[in-house]
Protein backbone atom coordinates (compact mmCIF):
# COMPACT_ATOMS: atom_id res chain seq x y z
CA UNK A 1 0.00 0.00 0.00
CA UNK A 2 1.33 3.42 -0.94
CA UNK A 3 1.79 6.17 1.59
CA UNK A 4 -0.17 9.36 1.07
CA UNK A 5 2.88 11.18 -0.32
CA UNK A 6 3.86 8.18 -2.44
CA UNK A 7 0.36 7.96 -3.86
CA UNK A 8 0.22 11.67 -4.66
CA UNK A 9 3.57 11.50 -6.44
CA UNK A 10 2.58 8.45 -8.47
CA UNK A 11 2.64 8.97 -12.22
CA UNK A 12 -0.11 7.33 -14.22
CA UNK A 13 1.27 5.56 -17.28
CA UNK A 14 -0.42 6.72 -20.48
CA UNK A 15 -2.50 4.10 -22.21
CA UNK A 16 -0.32 2.09 -24.57
CA UNK A 17 2.90 3.20 -22.92
CA UNK A 18 3.03 0.16 -20.62
CA UNK A 19 3.19 -2.13 -23.66
CA UNK A 20 6.15 -0.15 -25.00
CA UNK A 21 7.94 -0.27 -21.63
CA UNK A 22 7.41 -4.03 -21.34
CA UNK A 23 8.69 -4.61 -24.88
CA UNK A 24 11.74 -2.43 -24.18
CA UNK A 25 12.47 -4.35 -20.99
CA UNK A 26 12.24 -7.66 -22.86
CA UNK A 27 14.58 -6.36 -25.54
CA UNK A 28 17.31 -6.64 -22.87
CA UNK A 29 16.50 -10.33 -22.34
CA UNK A 30 13.75 -12.70 -21.27
CA UNK A 31 12.17 -12.05 -17.91
CA UNK A 32 9.31 -13.17 -15.68
CA UNK A 33 6.50 -10.77 -14.78
CA UNK A 34 7.85 -9.71 -11.40
CA UNK A 35 11.27 -9.13 -12.95
CA UNK A 36 9.75 -6.93 -15.65
CA UNK A 37 8.01 -4.77 -13.05
CA UNK A 38 11.25 -4.49 -11.04
CA UNK A 39 13.28 -3.43 -14.11
CA UNK A 40 10.72 -0.74 -14.99
CA UNK A 41 10.69 0.46 -11.38
CA UNK A 42 14.48 0.54 -11.14
CA UNK A 43 15.01 2.22 -14.52
CA UNK A 44 12.46 4.91 -13.65
CA UNK A 45 14.18 5.78 -10.38
CA UNK A 46 11.25 4.25 -8.45
CA UNK A 47 8.78 6.63 -10.12
CA UNK A 48 6.92 4.03 -12.19
CA UNK A 49 5.53 1.11 -10.23
CA UNK A 50 3.61 -1.32 -12.40
CA UNK A 51 0.87 -3.03 -10.43
CA UNK A 52 0.07 -6.71 -10.99
CA UNK A 53 -3.43 -5.77 -12.12
CA UNK A 54 -1.94 -3.81 -15.03
CA UNK A 55 1.14 -5.89 -15.80
CA UNK A 56 -0.34 -9.34 -16.38
CA UNK A 57 -3.25 -8.23 -18.58
CA UNK A 58 -0.69 -6.29 -20.66
CA UNK A 59 1.58 -9.34 -20.93
CA UNK A 60 -1.36 -11.52 -22.00
CA UNK A 61 -2.39 -8.91 -24.57
CA UNK A 62 1.18 -8.75 -25.94
CA UNK A 63 1.25 -12.54 -26.12
CA UNK A 64 -2.06 -12.62 -28.05
CA UNK A 65 -0.67 -10.01 -30.47
CA UNK A 66 2.36 -12.22 -31.10
CA UNK A 67 4.73 -9.56 -29.74
CA UNK A 68 5.98 -11.75 -26.89
CA UNK A 69 6.31 -15.48 -26.33
CA UNK A 70 5.97 -17.11 -22.93
CA UNK A 71 7.47 -20.28 -21.50
CA UNK A 72 7.26 -21.83 -18.04
CA UNK A 73 10.70 -22.15 -16.39
CA UNK A 74 12.32 -22.18 -12.96
CA UNK A 75 13.08 -18.73 -11.55
CA UNK A 76 16.21 -17.70 -9.64
CA UNK A 77 14.39 -18.72 -6.44
CA UNK A 78 13.71 -22.16 -7.98
CA UNK A 79 9.98 -21.45 -8.35
CA UNK A 80 8.00 -22.11 -11.48
CA UNK A 81 7.44 -18.84 -13.37
CA UNK A 82 6.31 -17.78 -16.79
CA UNK A 83 9.18 -16.14 -18.66
CA UNK A 84 8.48 -13.76 -21.50
CA UNK A 85 10.67 -12.86 -24.46
CA UNK A 86 10.16 -10.38 -27.28
CA UNK A 87 9.50 -11.72 -30.78
CA UNK A 88 10.53 -10.28 -34.15
CA UNK A 89 7.04 -8.79 -34.45
CA UNK A 90 7.43 -7.34 -30.96
CA UNK A 91 10.70 -5.66 -31.93
CA UNK A 92 9.00 -4.13 -34.97
CA UNK A 93 6.12 -2.94 -32.79
CA UNK A 94 8.54 -1.45 -30.26
CA UNK A 95 10.28 0.54 -33.00
CA UNK A 96 6.92 1.85 -34.24
CA UNK A 97 5.71 2.68 -30.72
CA UNK A 98 8.95 4.47 -29.90
CA UNK A 99 8.69 6.62 -33.02
CA UNK A 100 5.07 7.54 -32.17
CA UNK A 101 6.12 8.24 -28.57
CA UNK A 102 8.79 10.69 -29.76
CA UNK A 103 6.22 12.54 -31.87
CA UNK A 104 3.80 12.66 -28.93
CA UNK A 105 6.45 14.04 -26.56
CA UNK A 106 7.43 16.71 -29.11
CA UNK A 107 3.77 17.62 -29.67
CA UNK A 108 3.03 17.94 -25.96
CA UNK A 109 6.22 19.96 -25.46
CA UNK A 110 5.11 22.29 -28.24
CA UNK A 111 1.76 22.85 -26.56
CA UNK A 112 3.31 23.33 -23.11
CA UNK A 113 5.81 25.92 -24.36
CA UNK A 114 3.47 27.75 -26.74
CA UNK A 115 2.61 31.35 -26.04
CA UNK A 116 -1.01 32.34 -25.61
CA UNK A 117 -2.89 32.59 -28.88
CA UNK A 118 -0.78 30.07 -30.77
CA UNK A 119 2.02 32.09 -32.33
C-alpha atoms as a PDB file:
ATOM      1  CA  UNK A   1       0.000   0.000   0.000  1.00  0.00           C
ATOM      2  CA  UNK A   2       1.330   3.424  -0.939  1.00  0.00           C
ATOM      3  CA  UNK A   3       1.785   6.169   1.591  1.00  0.00           C
ATOM      4  CA  UNK A   4      -0.174   9.355   1.065  1.00  0.00           C
ATOM      5  CA  UNK A   5       2.879  11.180  -0.316  1.00  0.00           C
ATOM      6  CA  UNK A   6       3.860   8.183  -2.444  1.00  0.00           C
ATOM      7  CA  UNK A   7       0.365   7.963  -3.856  1.00  0.00           C
ATOM      8  CA  UNK A   8       0.215  11.669  -4.661  1.00  0.00           C
ATOM      9  CA  UNK A   9       3.570  11.502  -6.437  1.00  0.00           C
ATOM     10  CA  UNK A  10       2.578   8.449  -8.469  1.00  0.00           C
ATOM     11  CA  UNK A  11       2.635   8.971 -12.217  1.00  0.00           C
ATOM     12  CA  UNK A  12      -0.106   7.327 -14.218  1.00  0.00           C
ATOM     13  CA  UNK A  13       1.273   5.562 -17.284  1.00  0.00           C
ATOM     14  CA  UNK A  14      -0.415   6.723 -20.478  1.00  0.00           C
ATOM     15  CA  UNK A  15      -2.503   4.101 -22.215  1.00  0.00           C
ATOM     16  CA  UNK A  16      -0.320   2.087 -24.571  1.00  0.00           C
ATOM     17  CA  UNK A  17       2.895   3.197 -22.915  1.00  0.00           C
ATOM     18  CA  UNK A  18       3.033   0.161 -20.624  1.00  0.00           C
ATOM     19  CA  UNK A  19       3.190  -2.133 -23.655  1.00  0.00           C
ATOM     20  CA  UNK A  20       6.146  -0.147 -25.000  1.00  0.00           C
ATOM     21  CA  UNK A  21       7.935  -0.267 -21.627  1.00  0.00           C
ATOM     22  CA  UNK A  22       7.409  -4.025 -21.340  1.00  0.00           C
ATOM     23  CA  UNK A  23       8.693  -4.614 -24.877  1.00  0.00           C
ATOM     24  CA  UNK A  24      11.742  -2.434 -24.180  1.00  0.00           C
ATOM     25  CA  UNK A  25      12.467  -4.355 -20.985  1.00  0.00           C
ATOM     26  CA  UNK A  26      12.240  -7.658 -22.856  1.00  0.00           C
ATOM     27  CA  UNK A  27      14.580  -6.363 -25.541  1.00  0.00           C
ATOM     28  CA  UNK A  28      17.310  -6.637 -22.866  1.00  0.00           C
ATOM     29  CA  UNK A  29      16.504 -10.329 -22.336  1.00  0.00           C
ATOM     30  CA  UNK A  30      13.746 -12.697 -21.271  1.00  0.00           C
ATOM     31  CA  UNK A  31      12.174 -12.049 -17.908  1.00  0.00           C
ATOM     32  CA  UNK A  32       9.307 -13.168 -15.684  1.00  0.00           C
ATOM     33  CA  UNK A  33       6.501 -10.774 -14.776  1.00  0.00           C
ATOM     34  CA  UNK A  34       7.845  -9.713 -11.396  1.00  0.00           C
ATOM     35  CA  UNK A  35      11.269  -9.127 -12.948  1.00  0.00           C
ATOM     36  CA  UNK A  36       9.745  -6.926 -15.654  1.00  0.00           C
ATOM     37  CA  UNK A  37       8.009  -4.771 -13.049  1.00  0.00           C
ATOM     38  CA  UNK A  38      11.252  -4.486 -11.043  1.00  0.00           C
ATOM     39  CA  UNK A  39      13.280  -3.430 -14.106  1.00  0.00           C
ATOM     40  CA  UNK A  40      10.720  -0.745 -14.988  1.00  0.00           C
ATOM     41  CA  UNK A  41      10.691   0.464 -11.383  1.00  0.00           C
ATOM     42  CA  UNK A  42      14.483   0.545 -11.137  1.00  0.00           C
ATOM     43  CA  UNK A  43      15.013   2.219 -14.519  1.00  0.00           C
ATOM     44  CA  UNK A  44      12.459   4.908 -13.648  1.00  0.00           C
ATOM     45  CA  UNK A  45      14.176   5.775 -10.375  1.00  0.00           C
ATOM     46  CA  UNK A  46      11.250   4.247  -8.451  1.00  0.00           C
ATOM     47  CA  UNK A  47       8.776   6.628 -10.117  1.00  0.00           C
ATOM     48  CA  UNK A  48       6.921   4.030 -12.192  1.00  0.00           C
ATOM     49  CA  UNK A  49       5.530   1.115 -10.228  1.00  0.00           C
ATOM     50  CA  UNK A  50       3.610  -1.318 -12.398  1.00  0.00           C
ATOM     51  CA  UNK A  51       0.869  -3.029 -10.430  1.00  0.00           C
ATOM     52  CA  UNK A  52       0.072  -6.708 -10.990  1.00  0.00           C
ATOM     53  CA  UNK A  53      -3.431  -5.767 -12.117  1.00  0.00           C
ATOM     54  CA  UNK A  54      -1.942  -3.806 -15.026  1.00  0.00           C
ATOM     55  CA  UNK A  55       1.140  -5.892 -15.798  1.00  0.00           C
ATOM     56  CA  UNK A  56      -0.342  -9.339 -16.378  1.00  0.00           C
ATOM     57  CA  UNK A  57      -3.254  -8.228 -18.582  1.00  0.00           C
ATOM     58  CA  UNK A  58      -0.691  -6.286 -20.657  1.00  0.00           C
ATOM     59  CA  UNK A  59       1.578  -9.344 -20.927  1.00  0.00           C
ATOM     60  CA  UNK A  60      -1.357 -11.517 -21.999  1.00  0.00           C
ATOM     61  CA  UNK A  61      -2.391  -8.906 -24.567  1.00  0.00           C
ATOM     62  CA  UNK A  62       1.178  -8.753 -25.935  1.00  0.00           C
ATOM     63  CA  UNK A  63       1.247 -12.537 -26.122  1.00  0.00           C
ATOM     64  CA  UNK A  64      -2.063 -12.621 -28.048  1.00  0.00           C
ATOM     65  CA  UNK A  65      -0.674 -10.014 -30.466  1.00  0.00           C
ATOM     66  CA  UNK A  66       2.363 -12.225 -31.101  1.00  0.00           C
ATOM     67  CA  UNK A  67       4.729  -9.563 -29.739  1.00  0.00           C
ATOM     68  CA  UNK A  68       5.982 -11.751 -26.890  1.00  0.00           C
ATOM     69  CA  UNK A  69       6.310 -15.482 -26.333  1.00  0.00           C
ATOM     70  CA  UNK A  70       5.974 -17.107 -22.933  1.00  0.00           C
ATOM     71  CA  UNK A  71       7.468 -20.280 -21.501  1.00  0.00           C
ATOM     72  CA  UNK A  72       7.260 -21.827 -18.036  1.00  0.00           C
ATOM     73  CA  UNK A  73      10.695 -22.152 -16.391  1.00  0.00           C
ATOM     74  CA  UNK A  74      12.320 -22.181 -12.957  1.00  0.00           C
ATOM     75  CA  UNK A  75      13.078 -18.731 -11.545  1.00  0.00           C
ATOM     76  CA  UNK A  76      16.206 -17.700  -9.639  1.00  0.00           C
ATOM     77  CA  UNK A  77      14.395 -18.725  -6.444  1.00  0.00           C
ATOM     78  CA  UNK A  78      13.706 -22.163  -7.977  1.00  0.00           C
ATOM     79  CA  UNK A  79       9.978 -21.451  -8.346  1.00  0.00           C
ATOM     80  CA  UNK A  80       8.001 -22.112 -11.478  1.00  0.00           C
ATOM     81  CA  UNK A  81       7.437 -18.837 -13.365  1.00  0.00           C
ATOM     82  CA  UNK A  82       6.307 -17.777 -16.795  1.00  0.00           C
ATOM     83  CA  UNK A  83       9.182 -16.141 -18.659  1.00  0.00           C
ATOM     84  CA  UNK A  84       8.482 -13.756 -21.501  1.00  0.00           C
ATOM     85  CA  UNK A  85      10.666 -12.858 -24.464  1.00  0.00           C
ATOM     86  CA  UNK A  86      10.156 -10.383 -27.276  1.00  0.00           C
ATOM     87  CA  UNK A  87       9.498 -11.720 -30.783  1.00  0.00           C
ATOM     88  CA  UNK A  88      10.526 -10.283 -34.155  1.00  0.00           C
ATOM     89  CA  UNK A  89       7.035  -8.790 -34.449  1.00  0.00           C
ATOM     90  CA  UNK A  90       7.430  -7.342 -30.962  1.00  0.00           C
ATOM     91  CA  UNK A  91      10.700  -5.663 -31.933  1.00  0.00           C
ATOM     92  CA  UNK A  92       8.998  -4.133 -34.969  1.00  0.00           C
ATOM     93  CA  UNK A  93       6.118  -2.944 -32.788  1.00  0.00           C
ATOM     94  CA  UNK A  94       8.538  -1.451 -30.260  1.00  0.00           C
ATOM     95  CA  UNK A  95      10.279   0.545 -33.000  1.00  0.00           C
ATOM     96  CA  UNK A  96       6.922   1.847 -34.240  1.00  0.00           C
ATOM     97  CA  UNK A  97       5.710   2.679 -30.721  1.00  0.00           C
ATOM     98  CA  UNK A  98       8.954   4.472 -29.903  1.00  0.00           C
ATOM     99  CA  UNK A  99       8.690   6.621 -33.023  1.00  0.00           C
ATOM    100  CA  UNK A 100       5.073   7.538 -32.167  1.00  0.00           C
ATOM    101  CA  UNK A 101       6.116   8.242 -28.568  1.00  0.00           C
ATOM    102  CA  UNK A 102       8.790  10.686 -29.755  1.00  0.00           C
ATOM    103  CA  UNK A 103       6.222  12.535 -31.872  1.00  0.00           C
ATOM    104  CA  UNK A 104       3.800  12.659 -28.930  1.00  0.00           C
ATOM    105  CA  UNK A 105       6.451  14.045 -26.563  1.00  0.00           C
ATOM    106  CA  UNK A 106       7.430  16.705 -29.111  1.00  0.00           C
ATOM    107  CA  UNK A 107       3.773  17.624 -29.672  1.00  0.00           C
ATOM    108  CA  UNK A 108       3.030  17.942 -25.962  1.00  0.00           C
ATOM    109  CA  UNK A 109       6.223  19.955 -25.455  1.00  0.00           C
ATOM    110  CA  UNK A 110       5.111  22.288 -28.242  1.00  0.00           C
ATOM    111  CA  UNK A 111       1.765  22.853 -26.556  1.00  0.00           C
ATOM    112  CA  UNK A 112       3.309  23.330 -23.111  1.00  0.00           C
ATOM    113  CA  UNK A 113       5.809  25.920 -24.357  1.00  0.00           C
ATOM    114  CA  UNK A 114       3.468  27.746 -26.741  1.00  0.00           C
ATOM    115  CA  UNK A 115       2.607  31.347 -26.036  1.00  0.00           C
ATOM    116  CA  UNK A 116      -1.006  32.339 -25.612  1.00  0.00           C
ATOM    117  CA  UNK A 117      -2.885  32.594 -28.878  1.00  0.00           C
ATOM    118  CA  UNK A 118      -0.784  30.070 -30.765  1.00  0.00           C
ATOM    119  CA  UNK A 119       2.021  32.090 -32.330  1.00  0.00           C
END
